[in-house]
Amino acid sequence: MNFSFLSPTKIIIGKNESLNLYKHIQKNSSIVLYHGASLAKESVFKKIIESMSESSKVLSYEITSGEPSPGSVDSAAKFAIKNDANVIIGIGGGSVMDTAKAVSALVTNGLPVLDYLEGVGNGKQVSNKPLPFIAVPTTSGTGTEVTKNAVISSLKHGFKKSIRDDDMIAKVAVLDYSLTMGLPKNVTASSGMDAICQLIESYVTKNTNSITDALALHHSKLAVDAIEKAYHKDDEDARQVMSVCAMVSGLCLANAGLGMVHGIAAGLGATLGIPHGIACGLLLPHVMKFNYDHGIYKYADLAEVFYNKKFESKDKACEMAIYKISELNTSLNIPKDLKGFNIKKDELETLSKASMGSSMSKNPVLVSIGECHAFLENLI
């Protein structure tokens, strides 16, 4: 077996570690800190900036809600260029960190970001080393703090694509789980199910390897056990577990890839604007059933760790793994299907074509556009 394993130079995990960001930055740096609107209202935000401002110049840039678009990313990059930034920090959810990560590459390689996007750009590569990028997640979901790509979406043009390069991976990823305390329930559910989906998909992808298998199997169990406590009780220990599991899901997807869930979720986001985490949670048990029906029995391993028991057959174990995720969705108020999104049958062909990206290509079962169309028709 030949494979490589990519991860950030340093991953730091701990309560209030966001207040120590200055320790990972050279003195007299010019920092642009990208963040969301909600964080700016918290007292910790001022403390983070003050702690770095003692030794460096720090400017903040607020990212509007929603997935990064080519226009919003280019505007964010122009701000960094105008202010001679030499360090980029992203503190926020996946969209904030993807924006910041893309900016780190664009500052040294030139705009627009569209030129670099896989499948829709003109094939331009990230040839110059990006600026140092530090990632600080405030949700437990995408794992983008440890991946080498930034996802950019255009609802107008119907795409959700990545700018990608090994050197785009964060120099430092700081998991300060205290920043996830008090997250709204809907964000906890959608981001958490995205992480669980990434762990499960990376465990069965056709590109899996022994390292990602071990990480995904172990942390799938931890995340499934923790997410309801985080959702229903805002439990601090559960928040810490989910932060780690989300990060590990990023390591797994970066090194093994994903599958049909993320393929279709990308299509749903690109063409209809359906939130990514909700789409992933909703689709996961249905895709597990699809893959199992086509001979994928690796889900049996997941059932054994979920329930801490052996089952009488692999078939029973796979069925119980699917049941576990379905029950989890119910507990987290994730929809069971796509009926509530008013998707028309005549939209399915476009949606199916938009789903056939890099994630779909790594699904353990080959999926045609026609099969994707039929799968979606059963959900609407």
Protein backbone atom coordinates (compact mmCIF):
# COMPACT_ATOMS: atom_id res chain seq x y z
CA MET A 1 0.00 0.00 0.00
CA ASN A 2 1.41 3.36 -1.08
CA PHE A 3 0.03 6.56 0.44
CA SER A 4 1.04 9.85 2.07
CA PHE A 5 -0.47 11.64 5.06
CA LEU A 6 -0.80 15.43 5.19
CA SER A 7 -1.47 17.49 8.31
CA PRO A 8 -0.69 20.97 9.72
CA THR A 9 2.72 21.66 11.24
CA LYS A 10 1.11 22.00 14.67
CA ILE A 11 -2.33 21.22 16.14
CA ILE A 12 -3.04 22.76 19.54
CA ILE A 13 -6.04 21.69 21.61
CA GLY A 14 -7.15 23.38 24.81
CA LYS A 15 -9.53 25.72 26.55
CA ASN A 16 -8.73 29.42 25.97
CA GLU A 17 -5.82 28.60 23.63
CA SER A 18 -7.11 31.30 21.25
CA LEU A 19 -5.68 33.83 23.71
CA ASN A 20 -2.21 32.43 23.02
CA LEU A 21 -2.18 33.00 19.27
CA TYR A 22 0.55 35.59 19.66
CA LYS A 23 2.96 32.81 20.65
CA HIS A 24 2.77 31.36 17.14
CA ILE A 25 3.41 34.63 15.29
CA GLN A 26 6.68 36.43 14.75
CA LYS A 27 6.92 39.87 16.34
CA ASN A 28 6.21 42.88 14.13
CA SER A 29 4.01 40.88 11.81
CA SER A 30 1.19 42.45 9.81
CA ILE A 31 -1.86 40.30 10.57
CA VAL A 32 -5.28 40.25 8.98
CA LEU A 33 -7.79 38.35 11.10
CA TYR A 34 -10.91 37.14 9.30
CA HIS A 35 -13.95 36.44 11.47
CA GLY A 36 -17.73 36.18 11.53
CA ALA A 37 -20.17 38.71 12.91
CA SER A 38 -21.16 36.68 15.97
CA LEU A 39 -17.60 36.35 17.27
CA ALA A 40 -17.05 40.12 17.09
CA LYS A 41 -19.81 40.54 19.69
CA GLU A 42 -18.02 38.33 22.23
CA SER A 43 -15.62 39.72 24.84
CA VAL A 44 -13.04 37.09 23.94
CA PHE A 45 -12.66 38.65 20.47
CA LYS A 46 -11.30 41.88 21.92
CA LYS A 47 -8.95 39.90 24.16
CA ILE A 48 -7.61 37.90 21.21
CA ILE A 49 -6.82 41.06 19.25
CA GLU A 50 -5.30 42.81 22.26
CA SER A 51 -3.02 39.85 22.99
CA MET A 52 -1.56 39.97 19.48
CA SER A 53 -1.50 43.77 19.16
CA GLU A 54 1.22 44.06 21.82
CA SER A 55 3.80 42.75 19.34
CA SER A 56 2.19 43.03 15.88
CA LYS A 57 -0.15 45.09 13.73
CA VAL A 58 -3.61 43.47 13.68
CA LEU A 59 -6.51 44.32 11.39
CA SER A 60 -9.83 42.52 11.43
CA TYR A 61 -12.14 41.78 8.50
CA GLU A 62 -15.69 40.59 9.01
CA ILE A 63 -16.99 37.79 6.77
CA THR A 64 -20.70 37.90 6.01
CA SER A 65 -22.72 34.75 6.61
CA GLY A 66 -23.06 32.17 3.87
CA GLU A 67 -20.60 30.12 1.89
CA PRO A 68 -17.67 31.98 0.28
CA SER A 69 -18.31 33.22 -3.24
CA PRO A 70 -15.64 34.20 -5.77
CA GLY A 71 -16.51 37.86 -5.30
CA SER A 72 -16.40 37.80 -1.50
CA VAL A 73 -13.07 35.95 -1.47
CA ASP A 74 -11.50 38.36 -3.96
CA SER A 75 -12.66 41.33 -1.85
CA ALA A 76 -11.17 39.74 1.27
CA ALA A 77 -7.87 39.16 -0.55
CA LYS A 78 -7.74 42.75 -1.81
CA PHE A 79 -8.02 43.94 1.79
CA ALA A 80 -5.03 41.80 2.82
CA ILE A 81 -2.97 43.01 -0.15
CA LYS A 82 -3.84 46.66 0.48
CA ASN A 83 -2.71 46.35 4.09
CA ASP A 84 0.53 44.46 3.35
CA ALA A 85 -0.50 41.40 5.36
CA ASN A 86 2.13 38.73 5.98
CA VAL A 87 0.07 36.53 8.32
CA ILE A 88 -3.53 35.41 7.81
CA ILE A 89 -5.77 34.16 10.62
CA GLY A 90 -9.24 32.71 10.28
CA ILE A 91 -11.39 32.50 13.41
CA GLY A 92 -14.87 31.23 12.75
CA GLY A 93 -16.89 28.54 11.04
CA GLY A 94 -15.94 26.74 7.88
CA SER A 95 -16.82 29.65 5.59
CA VAL A 96 -14.61 32.08 7.50
CA MET A 97 -11.66 29.67 7.53
CA ASP A 98 -12.09 28.76 3.85
CA THR A 99 -12.08 32.45 2.97
CA ALA A 100 -8.96 33.10 5.03
CA LYS A 101 -7.21 30.04 3.63
CA ALA A 102 -7.95 31.10 0.05
CA VAL A 103 -6.72 34.62 0.82
CA SER A 104 -3.40 33.25 2.09
CA ALA A 105 -2.82 31.78 -1.38
CA LEU A 106 -4.20 34.66 -3.43
CA VAL A 107 -2.02 37.31 -1.78
CA THR A 108 1.12 35.63 -3.12
CA ASN A 109 -0.29 34.21 -6.36
CA GLY A 110 -2.69 36.85 -7.64
CA LEU A 111 -6.42 37.24 -8.16
CA PRO A 112 -9.08 36.24 -9.08
CA VAL A 113 -9.81 33.05 -7.13
CA LEU A 114 -11.94 31.78 -10.03
CA ASP A 115 -8.76 31.11 -12.02
CA TYR A 116 -7.73 28.41 -9.54
CA LEU A 117 -11.05 26.60 -9.00
CA GLU A 118 -11.07 22.96 -10.07
CA GLY A 119 -13.31 22.26 -13.03
CA VAL A 120 -14.49 25.83 -13.59
CA GLY A 121 -11.31 27.92 -13.55
CA ASN A 122 -8.59 28.21 -16.18
CA GLY A 123 -6.26 25.74 -14.49
CA LYS A 124 -4.00 28.26 -12.75
CA GLN A 125 -1.95 26.66 -9.96
CA VAL A 126 -0.83 27.91 -6.56
CA SER A 127 2.82 28.13 -7.57
CA ASN A 128 4.04 30.63 -4.95
CA LYS A 129 4.04 29.68 -1.28
CA PRO A 130 0.95 31.10 0.48
CA LEU A 131 1.24 33.39 3.47
CA PRO A 132 1.36 31.65 6.85
CA PHE A 133 -2.21 30.72 7.77
CA ILE A 134 -3.52 30.05 11.28
CA ALA A 135 -6.94 28.42 11.68
CA VAL A 136 -9.14 28.71 14.77
CA PRO A 137 -12.53 27.00 14.37
CA THR A 138 -15.54 28.22 16.34
CA THR A 139 -17.81 25.38 15.18
CA SER A 140 -17.21 21.63 15.22
CA GLY A 141 -17.87 20.58 11.68
CA THR A 142 -15.98 21.07 8.45
CA GLY A 143 -12.45 20.20 9.59
CA THR A 144 -11.14 22.81 7.16
CA GLU A 145 -8.63 23.87 9.83
CA VAL A 146 -6.52 20.84 8.77
CA THR A 147 -7.26 20.51 5.04
CA LYS A 148 -5.39 21.83 2.01
CA ASN A 149 -8.37 23.24 0.10
CA ALA A 150 -10.85 26.09 0.37
CA VAL A 151 -14.37 25.56 -0.97
CA ILE A 152 -15.86 28.40 -3.02
CA SER A 153 -19.49 28.45 -4.19
CA SER A 154 -21.53 30.31 -6.75
CA LEU A 155 -25.29 29.84 -6.57
CA LYS A 156 -25.63 32.06 -9.65
CA HIS A 157 -23.42 29.78 -11.76
CA GLY A 158 -24.29 26.55 -9.96
CA PHE A 159 -20.88 25.38 -8.73
CA LYS A 160 -19.12 24.51 -5.50
CA LYS A 161 -15.43 23.99 -6.19
CA SER A 162 -12.04 24.16 -4.46
CA ILE A 163 -8.79 26.02 -4.72
CA ARG A 164 -6.30 23.41 -3.53
CA ASP A 165 -2.61 23.00 -2.79
CA ASP A 166 -0.53 21.17 -0.18
CA ASP A 167 1.02 24.47 0.94
CA MET A 168 -2.40 25.93 1.75
CA ILE A 169 -2.70 23.77 4.83
CA ALA A 170 -2.59 25.76 8.07
CA LYS A 171 0.73 26.42 9.74
CA VAL A 172 -1.07 26.12 13.09
CA ALA A 173 -4.55 24.86 13.91
CA VAL A 174 -5.83 25.97 17.33
CA LEU A 175 -8.80 24.07 18.76
CA ASP A 176 -10.12 26.25 21.57
CA TYR A 177 -13.31 24.38 22.34
CA SER A 178 -14.47 27.16 24.67
CA LEU A 179 -15.28 29.12 21.50
CA THR A 180 -17.93 26.51 20.64
CA MET A 181 -19.77 26.81 23.95
CA GLY A 182 -23.23 28.28 23.52
CA LEU A 183 -23.48 27.60 19.81
CA PRO A 184 -27.09 27.61 18.58
CA LYS A 185 -28.64 24.17 18.40
CA ASN A 186 -29.10 24.27 14.64
CA VAL A 187 -25.40 25.07 14.15
CA THR A 188 -24.39 22.34 16.61
CA ALA A 189 -26.52 19.82 14.72
CA SER A 190 -25.54 20.76 11.17
CA SER A 191 -21.81 21.19 11.82
CA GLY A 192 -21.67 18.10 14.01
CA MET A 193 -23.40 15.89 11.45
CA ASP A 194 -21.03 17.21 8.79
CA ALA A 195 -18.11 16.00 10.94
CA ILE A 196 -19.74 12.61 11.59
CA CYS A 197 -20.48 12.27 7.90
CA GLN A 198 -16.87 13.04 7.03
CA LEU A 199 -15.62 10.43 9.47
CA ILE A 200 -17.98 7.76 8.12
CA GLU A 201 -17.45 8.59 4.46
CA SER A 202 -13.67 8.66 4.79
CA TYR A 203 -13.86 5.22 6.45
CA VAL A 204 -15.51 3.63 3.42
CA THR A 205 -14.06 5.71 0.56
CA LYS A 206 -12.20 3.86 -2.17
CA ASN A 207 -9.03 5.77 -1.17
CA THR A 208 -9.00 4.76 2.48
CA ASN A 209 -5.75 3.77 4.22
CA SER A 210 -4.73 2.29 7.55
CA ILE A 211 -4.10 5.65 9.26
CA THR A 212 -7.41 7.21 8.24
CA ASP A 213 -9.23 3.96 9.03
CA ALA A 214 -7.96 4.01 12.60
CA LEU A 215 -8.72 7.70 13.09
CA ALA A 216 -12.16 7.55 11.50
CA LEU A 217 -13.38 4.43 13.29
CA HIS A 218 -12.27 5.60 16.74
CA HIS A 219 -13.57 9.15 16.39
CA SER A 220 -16.87 8.15 14.76
CA LYS A 221 -17.73 6.43 18.03
CA LEU A 222 -16.67 9.44 20.11
CA ALA A 223 -18.63 11.88 17.97
CA VAL A 224 -21.81 9.79 17.87
CA ASP A 225 -21.70 9.53 21.65
CA ALA A 226 -20.97 13.24 22.20
CA ILE A 227 -23.09 15.19 19.75
CA GLU A 228 -26.42 14.80 21.57
CA LYS A 229 -24.86 16.03 24.83
CA ALA A 230 -23.46 19.03 22.99
CA TYR A 231 -26.81 19.67 21.29
CA HIS A 232 -29.20 19.15 24.19
CA LYS A 233 -27.04 20.22 27.16
CA ASP A 234 -24.19 22.36 25.76
CA ASP A 235 -21.97 20.01 27.78
CA GLU A 236 -18.37 21.25 27.96
CA ASP A 237 -16.76 17.81 27.74
CA ALA A 238 -18.93 16.97 24.73
CA ARG A 239 -17.96 20.25 23.08
CA GLN A 240 -14.29 19.37 23.50
CA VAL A 241 -14.83 15.90 22.02
CA MET A 242 -16.71 17.33 19.05
CA SER A 243 -13.95 19.86 18.39
CA VAL A 244 -11.37 17.09 18.23
CA CYS A 245 -13.60 14.81 16.16
CA ALA A 246 -14.31 17.57 13.65
CA MET A 247 -10.58 18.22 13.28
CA VAL A 248 -9.90 14.50 12.82
CA SER A 249 -12.65 14.33 10.21
CA GLY A 250 -10.71 16.97 8.30
CA LEU A 251 -7.50 14.95 8.52
CA CYS A 252 -9.38 11.90 7.25
CA LEU A 253 -11.06 13.61 4.32
CA ALA A 254 -7.84 15.38 3.33
CA ASN A 255 -6.02 12.05 3.12
CA ALA A 256 -8.74 9.57 2.06
CA GLY A 257 -11.45 11.63 0.40
CA LEU A 258 -15.21 11.46 0.87
CA GLY A 259 -18.10 10.03 -1.14
CA MET A 260 -21.65 10.24 -2.41
CA VAL A 261 -23.04 12.26 0.50
CA HIS A 262 -20.62 15.11 -0.05
CA GLY A 263 -20.99 14.84 -3.81
CA ILE A 264 -24.74 15.40 -3.61
CA ALA A 265 -24.45 17.91 -0.75
CA ALA A 266 -22.18 19.99 -2.99
CA GLY A 267 -24.78 19.81 -5.75
CA LEU A 268 -27.58 20.80 -3.37
CA GLY A 269 -25.56 23.73 -2.11
CA ALA A 270 -24.41 24.88 -5.54
CA THR A 271 -27.78 24.73 -7.29
CA LEU A 272 -30.34 25.25 -4.53
CA GLY A 273 -28.43 26.82 -1.64
CA ILE A 274 -29.32 24.05 0.82
CA PRO A 275 -27.07 24.35 3.93
CA HIS A 276 -24.17 21.91 3.72
CA GLY A 277 -24.34 20.33 7.17
CA ILE A 278 -28.09 19.76 6.98
CA ALA A 279 -27.67 18.16 3.56
CA CYS A 280 -24.90 15.88 4.85
CA GLY A 281 -26.84 14.71 7.89
CA LEU A 282 -30.02 14.18 5.90
CA LEU A 283 -28.31 12.23 3.12
CA LEU A 284 -25.98 10.10 5.24
CA PRO A 285 -28.27 7.20 6.23
CA HIS A 286 -29.73 7.03 2.71
CA VAL A 287 -26.28 6.86 1.12
CA MET A 288 -25.15 4.27 3.67
CA LYS A 289 -28.16 2.17 2.63
CA PHE A 290 -27.37 2.70 -1.06
CA ASN A 291 -23.76 1.61 -0.63
CA TYR A 292 -24.70 -1.32 1.60
CA ASP A 293 -27.24 -2.50 -0.98
CA HIS A 294 -24.40 -2.45 -3.50
CA GLY A 295 -22.14 -4.67 -1.39
CA ILE A 296 -20.30 -2.32 0.95
CA TYR A 297 -20.11 -4.07 4.34
CA LYS A 298 -17.56 -1.87 6.05
CA TYR A 299 -20.39 -0.14 7.90
CA ALA A 300 -20.54 -3.26 10.08
CA ASP A 301 -17.34 -2.11 11.82
CA LEU A 302 -19.04 1.16 12.70
CA ALA A 303 -22.04 -0.62 14.22
CA GLU A 304 -19.77 -2.68 16.45
CA VAL A 305 -18.11 0.43 17.91
CA PHE A 306 -21.39 2.39 18.09
CA TYR A 307 -23.11 -0.37 20.09
CA ASN A 308 -19.99 -1.95 21.65
CA LYS A 309 -21.10 -5.44 20.63
CA LYS A 310 -20.80 -8.07 17.96
CA PHE A 311 -23.78 -8.75 15.71
CA GLU A 312 -24.99 -12.09 14.37
CA SER A 313 -24.14 -11.06 10.82
CA LYS A 314 -22.54 -8.26 8.83
CA ASP A 315 -25.94 -7.56 7.28
CA LYS A 316 -27.49 -6.96 10.70
CA ALA A 317 -24.55 -4.82 11.75
CA CYS A 318 -24.80 -2.63 8.64
CA GLU A 319 -28.53 -2.21 9.19
CA MET A 320 -27.91 -1.14 12.79
CA ALA A 321 -25.25 1.38 11.75
CA ILE A 322 -27.76 2.95 9.36
CA TYR A 323 -30.44 2.89 12.07
CA LYS A 324 -28.07 4.63 14.52
CA ILE A 325 -27.49 7.56 12.18
CA SER A 326 -31.20 7.84 11.38
CA GLU A 327 -32.04 7.97 15.08
CA LEU A 328 -29.33 10.55 15.66
CA ASN A 329 -30.81 12.76 12.94
CA THR A 330 -34.21 12.52 14.62
CA SER A 331 -32.73 13.58 17.96
CA LEU A 332 -31.00 16.54 16.31
CA ASN A 333 -34.04 17.61 14.28
CA ILE A 334 -32.35 16.92 10.96
CA PRO A 335 -34.94 16.33 8.20
CA LYS A 336 -35.46 12.72 7.08
CA ASP A 337 -35.64 13.55 3.37
CA LEU A 338 -35.73 16.39 0.85
CA LYS A 339 -39.50 16.78 0.72
CA GLY A 340 -39.47 20.04 2.66
CA PHE A 341 -37.09 21.78 0.24
CA ASN A 342 -39.57 22.02 -2.67
CA ILE A 343 -37.22 20.46 -5.21
CA LYS A 344 -38.93 19.99 -8.56
CA LYS A 345 -38.45 16.86 -10.68
CA ASP A 346 -37.25 18.95 -13.60
CA GLU A 347 -34.41 20.26 -11.39
CA LEU A 348 -33.02 16.79 -10.70
CA GLU A 349 -31.00 16.47 -13.90
CA THR A 350 -29.10 19.69 -13.21
CA LEU A 351 -28.71 18.72 -9.56
CA SER A 352 -27.43 15.25 -10.48
CA LYS A 353 -24.84 16.66 -12.88
CA ALA A 354 -23.71 19.17 -10.23
CA SER A 355 -23.21 16.26 -7.80
CA MET A 356 -20.65 14.41 -9.92
CA GLY A 357 -17.54 16.07 -8.52
CA SER A 358 -14.39 14.82 -6.81
CA SER A 359 -16.23 13.54 -3.74
CA MET A 360 -18.63 11.43 -5.81
CA SER A 361 -15.68 9.94 -7.70
CA LYS A 362 -14.29 8.53 -4.44
CA ASN A 363 -17.51 6.82 -3.34
CA PRO A 364 -16.87 3.08 -2.82
CA VAL A 365 -19.67 2.35 -5.34
CA LEU A 366 -19.56 3.86 -8.81
CA VAL A 367 -22.57 6.18 -9.22
CA SER A 368 -23.86 7.26 -12.63
CA ILE A 369 -25.81 10.45 -13.27
CA GLY A 370 -28.90 8.30 -13.86
CA GLU A 371 -28.45 6.48 -10.55
CA CYS A 372 -27.96 9.79 -8.76
CA HIS A 373 -31.14 11.11 -10.40
CA ALA A 374 -33.13 8.05 -9.25
CA PHE A 375 -31.66 8.26 -5.74
CA LEU A 376 -32.71 11.91 -5.41
CA GLU A 377 -36.16 11.29 -6.87
CA ASN A 378 -36.83 8.87 -4.02
CA LEU A 379 -36.04 11.61 -1.50
CA ILE A 380 -38.30 14.34 -2.88
